[in-house]
Amino acid sequence: MKNNILNKKITIAIDGFSSTGKSTLAKQVASKLGYAYVDTGAMYRAITLFAMKKGYIGAGFFDKESLIAVLAEVKLQFKFNEDLGYGEMFLNDENVEQQIRKIAVSGFVSKVAEISEVRSKLVEQQQQMGKDKGIVMDGRDIGTVVFPDAELKIFMTATAATRAQRRYQELLAKGDLVTHEAVLKNVEERDYIDTHRENSPLKIAPNATTIDNSNLTKEAQFDLVMQLVTNVLVVV
């Protein structure tokens, strides 16, 4: 891309189902453009971890009111890690980047994300992060709620079986003891909750480009998205 195009700043919203590689793609695009990157899923996962540690949520129970009552105590920050090339999630000044990626957190995050008070708190923070543009943000409601006026909106999808296999391999590589059946069940349950919740359900934003990456390599996907970025930068 030409320098005059790279100097332009836009907002790129990447939404989609779990385990579609949204974060990986968003990091690649942000790095290429020199934009800020925000993983909103990490924010919801951090609040979920907070609720788990406080004993507000677990197998078969969820004390929503107690969580809502202490939301003001939750401090979230992304701190840039030069070695990794992106910001890690800090919860009340503790690095929780690894903890929030565990399957246990994945099992509860969609339930926590349903709470309107949680979403309101995080959406406000996310909008503040992107007020000056030059940002790539991924999540479930970025193009529909957080940045409905984003210059580029992408919606990522893939079959549940494909996504479960990817997630399973990822967890095994990290040393997590999980079964493929448990991961597939988690993917399907999160899909249902994310698409059926009353507050900001997962859906395709108006004017979004849908990418089914069931059979796409990461390289082909990145090239496709960067072409979309170039097309937008030329006309803004």
C-alpha atoms as a PDB file:
ATOM      1  CA  MET A   1       0.000   0.000   0.000  1.00  0.00           C
ATOM      2  CA  LYS A   2       1.128   3.520  -0.763  1.00  0.00           C
ATOM      3  CA  ASN A   3       2.223   5.756   2.105  1.00  0.00           C
ATOM      4  CA  ASN A   4      -0.636   8.231   1.608  1.00  0.00           C
ATOM      5  CA  ILE A   5      -3.082   5.366   2.069  1.00  0.00           C
ATOM      6  CA  LEU A   6      -1.273   4.055   5.141  1.00  0.00           C
ATOM      7  CA  ASN A   7      -1.475   7.521   6.714  1.00  0.00           C
ATOM      8  CA  LYS A   8      -5.254   7.346   6.714  1.00  0.00           C
ATOM      9  CA  LYS A   9      -6.966   6.086   9.873  1.00  0.00           C
ATOM     10  CA  ILE A  10     -10.127   4.036   9.886  1.00  0.00           C
ATOM     11  CA  THR A  11     -11.966   1.760  12.311  1.00  0.00           C
ATOM     12  CA  ILE A  12     -11.968  -1.948  11.478  1.00  0.00           C
ATOM     13  CA  ALA A  13     -14.600  -4.053  13.242  1.00  0.00           C
ATOM     14  CA  ILE A  14     -14.207  -7.831  13.171  1.00  0.00           C
ATOM     15  CA  ASP A  15     -17.095  -9.883  14.545  1.00  0.00           C
ATOM     16  CA  GLY A  16     -17.954 -13.542  14.359  1.00  0.00           C
ATOM     17  CA  PHE A  17     -18.398 -16.867  16.069  1.00  0.00           C
ATOM     18  CA  SER A  18     -15.979 -18.260  18.643  1.00  0.00           C
ATOM     19  CA  SER A  19     -12.812 -19.941  17.396  1.00  0.00           C
ATOM     20  CA  THR A  20     -12.934 -18.418  13.933  1.00  0.00           C
ATOM     21  CA  GLY A  21      -9.511 -16.849  14.382  1.00  0.00           C
ATOM     22  CA  LYS A  22     -10.774 -13.293  14.820  1.00  0.00           C
ATOM     23  CA  SER A  23      -8.010 -12.323  17.212  1.00  0.00           C
ATOM     24  CA  THR A  24      -5.230 -13.801  15.088  1.00  0.00           C
ATOM     25  CA  LEU A  25      -6.493 -11.963  12.021  1.00  0.00           C
ATOM     26  CA  ALA A  26      -7.035  -8.704  13.911  1.00  0.00           C
ATOM     27  CA  LYS A  27      -3.485  -8.802  15.285  1.00  0.00           C
ATOM     28  CA  GLN A  28      -2.083  -9.383  11.787  1.00  0.00           C
ATOM     29  CA  VAL A  29      -4.051  -6.505  10.284  1.00  0.00           C
ATOM     30  CA  ALA A  30      -3.257  -4.124  13.144  1.00  0.00           C
ATOM     31  CA  SER A  31       0.446  -4.944  12.908  1.00  0.00           C
ATOM     32  CA  LYS A  32       0.493  -4.392   9.142  1.00  0.00           C
ATOM     33  CA  LEU A  33      -1.282  -1.039   9.410  1.00  0.00           C
ATOM     34  CA  GLY A  34       0.383   0.163  12.595  1.00  0.00           C
ATOM     35  CA  TYR A  35      -3.018   0.344  14.265  1.00  0.00           C
ATOM     36  CA  ALA A  36      -4.002  -0.359  17.860  1.00  0.00           C
ATOM     37  CA  TYR A  37      -5.511  -3.794  18.467  1.00  0.00           C
ATOM     38  CA  VAL A  38      -8.212  -4.568  21.021  1.00  0.00           C
ATOM     39  CA  ASP A  39      -9.428  -8.068  21.831  1.00  0.00           C
ATOM     40  CA  THR A  40     -12.819  -7.390  23.416  1.00  0.00           C
ATOM     41  CA  GLY A  41     -13.272 -11.091  24.090  1.00  0.00           C
ATOM     42  CA  ALA A  42     -10.354 -10.869  26.526  1.00  0.00           C
ATOM     43  CA  MET A  43     -12.248  -8.168  28.431  1.00  0.00           C
ATOM     44  CA  TYR A  44     -15.322 -10.374  28.849  1.00  0.00           C
ATOM     45  CA  ARG A  45     -13.125 -13.319  29.753  1.00  0.00           C
ATOM     46  CA  ALA A  46     -11.371 -11.246  32.423  1.00  0.00           C
ATOM     47  CA  ILE A  47     -14.665 -10.317  34.058  1.00  0.00           C
ATOM     48  CA  THR A  48     -15.672 -13.986  33.874  1.00  0.00           C
ATOM     49  CA  LEU A  49     -12.431 -14.977  35.612  1.00  0.00           C
ATOM     50  CA  PHE A  50     -13.132 -12.323  38.245  1.00  0.00           C
ATOM     51  CA  ALA A  51     -16.609 -13.784  38.821  1.00  0.00           C
ATOM     52  CA  MET A  52     -15.177 -17.307  39.087  1.00  0.00           C
ATOM     53  CA  LYS A  53     -12.550 -16.267  41.625  1.00  0.00           C
ATOM     54  CA  LYS A  54     -15.187 -14.447  43.685  1.00  0.00           C
ATOM     55  CA  GLY A  55     -17.391 -17.538  43.645  1.00  0.00           C
ATOM     56  CA  TYR A  56     -20.215 -15.834  41.766  1.00  0.00           C
ATOM     57  CA  ILE A  57     -20.353 -18.365  38.947  1.00  0.00           C
ATOM     58  CA  GLY A  58     -19.698 -22.074  38.668  1.00  0.00           C
ATOM     59  CA  ALA A  59     -21.256 -25.343  37.564  1.00  0.00           C
ATOM     60  CA  GLY A  60     -25.014 -24.937  37.885  1.00  0.00           C
ATOM     61  CA  PHE A  61     -25.102 -21.504  39.539  1.00  0.00           C
ATOM     62  CA  PHE A  62     -24.606 -17.836  38.727  1.00  0.00           C
ATOM     63  CA  ASP A  63     -25.092 -15.021  41.252  1.00  0.00           C
ATOM     64  CA  LYS A  64     -25.556 -12.235  38.732  1.00  0.00           C
ATOM     65  CA  GLU A  65     -26.633  -9.606  41.247  1.00  0.00           C
ATOM     66  CA  SER A  66     -23.464  -9.993  43.319  1.00  0.00           C
ATOM     67  CA  LEU A  67     -21.307  -9.596  40.214  1.00  0.00           C
ATOM     68  CA  ILE A  68     -23.218  -6.519  39.080  1.00  0.00           C
ATOM     69  CA  ALA A  69     -22.837  -4.995  42.551  1.00  0.00           C
ATOM     70  CA  VAL A  70     -19.028  -5.130  42.415  1.00  0.00           C
ATOM     71  CA  LEU A  71     -18.388  -4.291  38.758  1.00  0.00           C
ATOM     72  CA  ALA A  72     -16.863  -0.988  39.849  1.00  0.00           C
ATOM     73  CA  GLU A  73     -14.060  -3.018  41.472  1.00  0.00           C
ATOM     74  CA  VAL A  74     -13.064  -4.515  38.131  1.00  0.00           C
ATOM     75  CA  LYS A  75     -10.107  -2.726  36.535  1.00  0.00           C
ATOM     76  CA  LEU A  76      -9.143  -3.893  33.055  1.00  0.00           C
ATOM     77  CA  GLN A  77      -6.025  -2.869  31.137  1.00  0.00           C
ATOM     78  CA  PHE A  78      -4.178  -3.974  28.040  1.00  0.00           C
ATOM     79  CA  LYS A  79      -0.426  -3.709  28.582  1.00  0.00           C
ATOM     80  CA  PHE A  80       1.728  -3.989  25.480  1.00  0.00           C
ATOM     81  CA  ASN A  81       4.192  -6.879  25.434  1.00  0.00           C
ATOM     82  CA  GLU A  82       7.022  -6.112  23.020  1.00  0.00           C
ATOM     83  CA  ASP A  83       8.036  -9.765  22.729  1.00  0.00           C
ATOM     84  CA  LEU A  84       4.507 -10.827  21.763  1.00  0.00           C
ATOM     85  CA  GLY A  85       3.700  -7.739  19.718  1.00  0.00           C
ATOM     86  CA  TYR A  86       0.325  -7.109  21.316  1.00  0.00           C
ATOM     87  CA  GLY A  87      -1.289  -6.071  24.584  1.00  0.00           C
ATOM     88  CA  GLU A  88      -1.901  -8.633  27.319  1.00  0.00           C
ATOM     89  CA  MET A  89      -4.960  -8.553  29.543  1.00  0.00           C
ATOM     90  CA  PHE A  90      -4.494  -7.334  33.106  1.00  0.00           C
ATOM     91  CA  LEU A  91      -7.237  -7.742  35.704  1.00  0.00           C
ATOM     92  CA  ASN A  92      -6.798  -5.501  38.736  1.00  0.00           C
ATOM     93  CA  ASP A  93      -3.083  -5.173  37.893  1.00  0.00           C
ATOM     94  CA  GLU A  94      -2.570  -8.944  37.493  1.00  0.00           C
ATOM     95  CA  ASN A  95      -1.545 -10.442  34.155  1.00  0.00           C
ATOM     96  CA  VAL A  96      -4.334 -12.935  33.419  1.00  0.00           C
ATOM     97  CA  GLU A  97      -3.675 -13.468  29.706  1.00  0.00           C
ATOM     98  CA  GLN A  98      -3.072 -17.192  30.146  1.00  0.00           C
ATOM     99  CA  GLN A  99      -5.759 -17.795  32.761  1.00  0.00           C
ATOM    100  CA  ILE A 100      -8.562 -16.312  30.670  1.00  0.00           C
ATOM    101  CA  ARG A 101      -7.869 -18.667  27.757  1.00  0.00           C
ATOM    102  CA  LYS A 102      -8.664 -21.802  29.775  1.00  0.00           C
ATOM    103  CA  ILE A 103     -11.626 -23.989  28.803  1.00  0.00           C
ATOM    104  CA  ALA A 104     -13.169 -23.364  32.239  1.00  0.00           C
ATOM    105  CA  VAL A 105     -13.452 -19.653  31.483  1.00  0.00           C
ATOM    106  CA  SER A 106     -14.758 -20.417  27.995  1.00  0.00           C
ATOM    107  CA  GLY A 107     -17.579 -22.392  29.569  1.00  0.00           C
ATOM    108  CA  PHE A 108     -18.951 -19.366  31.424  1.00  0.00           C
ATOM    109  CA  VAL A 109     -17.966 -16.319  29.357  1.00  0.00           C
ATOM    110  CA  SER A 110     -21.092 -16.221  27.176  1.00  0.00           C
ATOM    111  CA  LYS A 111     -23.300 -16.230  30.289  1.00  0.00           C
ATOM    112  CA  VAL A 112     -21.370 -13.326  31.788  1.00  0.00           C
ATOM    113  CA  ALA A 113     -21.470 -11.473  28.473  1.00  0.00           C
ATOM    114  CA  GLU A 114     -25.282 -11.656  28.506  1.00  0.00           C
ATOM    115  CA  ILE A 115     -25.504  -9.262  31.449  1.00  0.00           C
ATOM    116  CA  SER A 116     -26.485  -5.794  30.238  1.00  0.00           C
ATOM    117  CA  GLU A 117     -24.521  -4.036  32.991  1.00  0.00           C
ATOM    118  CA  VAL A 118     -21.356  -5.888  31.977  1.00  0.00           C
ATOM    119  CA  ARG A 119     -21.854  -5.051  28.312  1.00  0.00           C
ATOM    120  CA  SER A 120     -22.570  -1.395  29.046  1.00  0.00           C
ATOM    121  CA  LYS A 121     -19.407  -1.088  31.129  1.00  0.00           C
ATOM    122  CA  LEU A 122     -17.226  -2.650  28.458  1.00  0.00           C
ATOM    123  CA  VAL A 123     -18.830  -1.019  25.415  1.00  0.00           C
ATOM    124  CA  GLU A 124     -18.187   2.396  26.964  1.00  0.00           C
ATOM    125  CA  GLN A 125     -14.514   1.509  27.469  1.00  0.00           C
ATOM    126  CA  GLN A 126     -14.216   0.089  23.962  1.00  0.00           C
ATOM    127  CA  GLN A 127     -15.721   3.184  22.349  1.00  0.00           C
ATOM    128  CA  GLN A 128     -13.291   5.352  24.284  1.00  0.00           C
ATOM    129  CA  MET A 129     -10.372   3.220  23.062  1.00  0.00           C
ATOM    130  CA  GLY A 130     -11.394   3.753  19.453  1.00  0.00           C
ATOM    131  CA  LYS A 131     -12.425   7.396  19.509  1.00  0.00           C
ATOM    132  CA  ASP A 132      -9.392   8.464  17.429  1.00  0.00           C
ATOM    133  CA  LYS A 133      -9.728   5.619  14.870  1.00  0.00           C
ATOM    134  CA  GLY A 134      -6.659   3.721  13.703  1.00  0.00           C
ATOM    135  CA  ILE A 135      -7.914   0.657  15.534  1.00  0.00           C
ATOM    136  CA  VAL A 136      -8.749  -2.987  14.824  1.00  0.00           C
ATOM    137  CA  MET A 137     -11.227  -4.432  17.307  1.00  0.00           C
ATOM    138  CA  ASP A 138     -12.668  -7.923  17.365  1.00  0.00           C
ATOM    139  CA  GLY A 139     -15.600  -9.363  19.274  1.00  0.00           C
ATOM    140  CA  ARG A 140     -19.289 -10.142  18.947  1.00  0.00           C
ATOM    141  CA  ASP A 141     -20.944  -6.727  18.636  1.00  0.00           C
ATOM    142  CA  ILE A 142     -18.249  -4.385  17.340  1.00  0.00           C
ATOM    143  CA  GLY A 143     -19.881  -3.589  14.002  1.00  0.00           C
ATOM    144  CA  THR A 144     -23.422  -3.606  15.400  1.00  0.00           C
ATOM    145  CA  VAL A 145     -23.084  -1.824  18.755  1.00  0.00           C
ATOM    146  CA  VAL A 146     -19.591  -0.554  19.573  1.00  0.00           C
ATOM    147  CA  PHE A 147     -18.734   0.984  16.186  1.00  0.00           C
ATOM    148  CA  PRO A 148     -21.814   0.883  13.949  1.00  0.00           C
ATOM    149  CA  ASP A 149     -20.150   3.526  11.743  1.00  0.00           C
ATOM    150  CA  ALA A 150     -16.898   1.594  11.273  1.00  0.00           C
ATOM    151  CA  GLU A 151     -15.487   2.051   7.786  1.00  0.00           C
ATOM    152  CA  LEU A 152     -14.793  -1.681   7.458  1.00  0.00           C
ATOM    153  CA  LYS A 153     -16.880  -4.428   9.049  1.00  0.00           C
ATOM    154  CA  ILE A 154     -16.002  -8.103   8.758  1.00  0.00           C
ATOM    155  CA  PHE A 155     -18.032 -11.067  10.004  1.00  0.00           C
ATOM    156  CA  MET A 156     -16.143 -14.338  10.377  1.00  0.00           C
ATOM    157  CA  THR A 157     -17.686 -17.778  10.414  1.00  0.00           C
ATOM    158  CA  ALA A 158     -16.813 -21.454   9.941  1.00  0.00           C
ATOM    159  CA  THR A 159     -18.524 -24.744  10.645  1.00  0.00           C
ATOM    160  CA  ALA A 160     -18.836 -25.721  14.307  1.00  0.00           C
ATOM    161  CA  ALA A 161     -16.862 -28.908  13.635  1.00  0.00           C
ATOM    162  CA  THR A 162     -13.995 -26.963  12.078  1.00  0.00           C
ATOM    163  CA  ARG A 163     -13.911 -24.450  14.899  1.00  0.00           C
ATOM    164  CA  ALA A 164     -14.022 -27.141  17.576  1.00  0.00           C
ATOM    165  CA  GLN A 165     -11.110 -28.981  15.994  1.00  0.00           C
ATOM    166  CA  ARG A 166      -9.040 -25.795  15.846  1.00  0.00           C
ATOM    167  CA  ARG A 167      -9.809 -24.969  19.462  1.00  0.00           C
ATOM    168  CA  TYR A 168      -9.104 -28.529  20.568  1.00  0.00           C
ATOM    169  CA  GLN A 169      -5.671 -28.522  18.922  1.00  0.00           C
ATOM    170  CA  GLU A 170      -4.910 -25.107  20.404  1.00  0.00           C
ATOM    171  CA  LEU A 171      -5.776 -26.238  23.940  1.00  0.00           C
ATOM    172  CA  LEU A 172      -3.796 -29.459  23.602  1.00  0.00           C
ATOM    173  CA  ALA A 173      -0.773 -27.454  22.464  1.00  0.00           C
ATOM    174  CA  LYS A 174      -1.047 -25.406  25.664  1.00  0.00           C
ATOM    175  CA  GLY A 175      -1.109 -28.563  27.752  1.00  0.00           C
ATOM    176  CA  ASP A 176      -4.784 -28.414  28.712  1.00  0.00           C
ATOM    177  CA  LEU A 177      -6.416 -31.770  29.359  1.00  0.00           C
ATOM    178  CA  VAL A 178      -9.619 -31.589  27.320  1.00  0.00           C
ATOM    179  CA  THR A 179     -11.666 -33.874  25.094  1.00  0.00           C
ATOM    180  CA  HIS A 180     -12.803 -33.058  21.600  1.00  0.00           C
ATOM    181  CA  GLU A 181     -16.395 -33.725  22.661  1.00  0.00           C
ATOM    182  CA  ALA A 182     -16.187 -31.171  25.478  1.00  0.00           C
ATOM    183  CA  VAL A 183     -14.730 -28.534  23.163  1.00  0.00           C
ATOM    184  CA  LEU A 184     -17.398 -29.125  20.501  1.00  0.00           C
ATOM    185  CA  LYS A 185     -20.133 -28.879  23.133  1.00  0.00           C
ATOM    186  CA  ASN A 186     -18.642 -25.623  24.399  1.00  0.00           C
ATOM    187  CA  VAL A 187     -18.516 -24.172  20.870  1.00  0.00           C
ATOM    188  CA  GLU A 188     -22.128 -25.100  20.176  1.00  0.00           C
ATOM    189  CA  GLU A 189     -23.374 -23.779  23.533  1.00  0.00           C
ATOM    190  CA  ARG A 190     -21.549 -20.486  23.053  1.00  0.00           C
ATOM    191  CA  ASP A 191     -22.980 -20.146  19.549  1.00  0.00           C
ATOM    192  CA  TYR A 192     -26.513 -20.558  20.895  1.00  0.00           C
ATOM    193  CA  ILE A 193     -26.076 -18.126  23.782  1.00  0.00           C
ATOM    194  CA  ASP A 194     -24.254 -15.535  21.658  1.00  0.00           C
ATOM    195  CA  THR A 195     -26.930 -15.529  18.958  1.00  0.00           C
ATOM    196  CA  HIS A 196     -29.964 -15.705  21.249  1.00  0.00           C
ATOM    197  CA  ARG A 197     -29.125 -13.297  24.057  1.00  0.00           C
ATOM    198  CA  GLU A 198     -31.432 -10.316  24.430  1.00  0.00           C
ATOM    199  CA  ASN A 199     -28.670  -7.727  24.776  1.00  0.00           C
ATOM    200  CA  SER A 200     -26.455  -7.250  21.689  1.00  0.00           C
ATOM    201  CA  PRO A 201     -26.832 -10.705  20.134  1.00  0.00           C
ATOM    202  CA  LEU A 202     -24.225 -11.871  17.667  1.00  0.00           C
ATOM    203  CA  LYS A 203     -25.403 -11.010  14.168  1.00  0.00           C
ATOM    204  CA  ILE A 204     -24.028  -9.772  10.890  1.00  0.00           C
ATOM    205  CA  ALA A 205     -23.763  -5.984  10.850  1.00  0.00           C
ATOM    206  CA  PRO A 206     -25.164  -3.989   7.950  1.00  0.00           C
ATOM    207  CA  ASN A 207     -22.572  -3.636   5.182  1.00  0.00           C
ATOM    208  CA  ALA A 208     -20.317  -6.289   6.732  1.00  0.00           C
ATOM    209  CA  THR A 209     -18.312  -8.636   4.538  1.00  0.00           C
ATOM    210  CA  THR A 210     -18.814 -12.253   5.599  1.00  0.00           C
ATOM    211  CA  ILE A 211     -15.802 -14.563   5.439  1.00  0.00           C
ATOM    212  CA  ASP A 212     -16.262 -18.308   5.872  1.00  0.00           C
ATOM    213  CA  ASN A 213     -12.777 -19.552   6.647  1.00  0.00           C
ATOM    214  CA  SER A 214     -13.643 -23.235   7.035  1.00  0.00           C
ATOM    215  CA  ASN A 215     -11.333 -23.975   4.097  1.00  0.00           C
ATOM    216  CA  LEU A 216      -9.154 -20.859   4.008  1.00  0.00           C
ATOM    217  CA  THR A 217      -5.527 -20.739   5.065  1.00  0.00           C
ATOM    218  CA  LYS A 218      -4.495 -17.918   7.409  1.00  0.00           C
ATOM    219  CA  GLU A 219      -2.396 -16.472   4.599  1.00  0.00           C
ATOM    220  CA  ALA A 220      -5.252 -16.453   2.090  1.00  0.00           C
ATOM    221  CA  GLN A 221      -7.577 -14.940   4.659  1.00  0.00           C
ATOM    222  CA  PHE A 222      -5.100 -12.199   5.525  1.00  0.00           C
ATOM    223  CA  ASP A 223      -4.567 -11.329   1.856  1.00  0.00           C
ATOM    224  CA  LEU A 224      -8.332 -11.159   1.336  1.00  0.00           C
ATOM    225  CA  VAL A 225      -8.847  -8.840   4.279  1.00  0.00           C
ATOM    226  CA  MET A 226      -5.939  -6.583   3.376  1.00  0.00           C
ATOM    227  CA  GLN A 227      -7.486  -6.164  -0.072  1.00  0.00           C
ATOM    228  CA  LEU A 228     -10.722  -5.111   1.630  1.00  0.00           C
ATOM    229  CA  VAL A 229      -8.756  -2.653   3.768  1.00  0.00           C
ATOM    230  CA  THR A 230      -7.041  -1.200   0.705  1.00  0.00           C
ATOM    231  CA  ASN A 231     -10.377  -0.783  -1.085  1.00  0.00           C
ATOM    232  CA  VAL A 232     -11.756   1.185   1.861  1.00  0.00           C
ATOM    233  CA  LEU A 233      -8.634   3.331   2.389  1.00  0.00           C
ATOM    234  CA  VAL A 234      -8.652   4.390  -1.247  1.00  0.00           C
ATOM    235  CA  VAL A 235     -12.068   6.010  -0.930  1.00  0.00           C
ATOM    236  CA  VAL A 236     -12.068   7.493   2.608  1.00  0.00           C
END
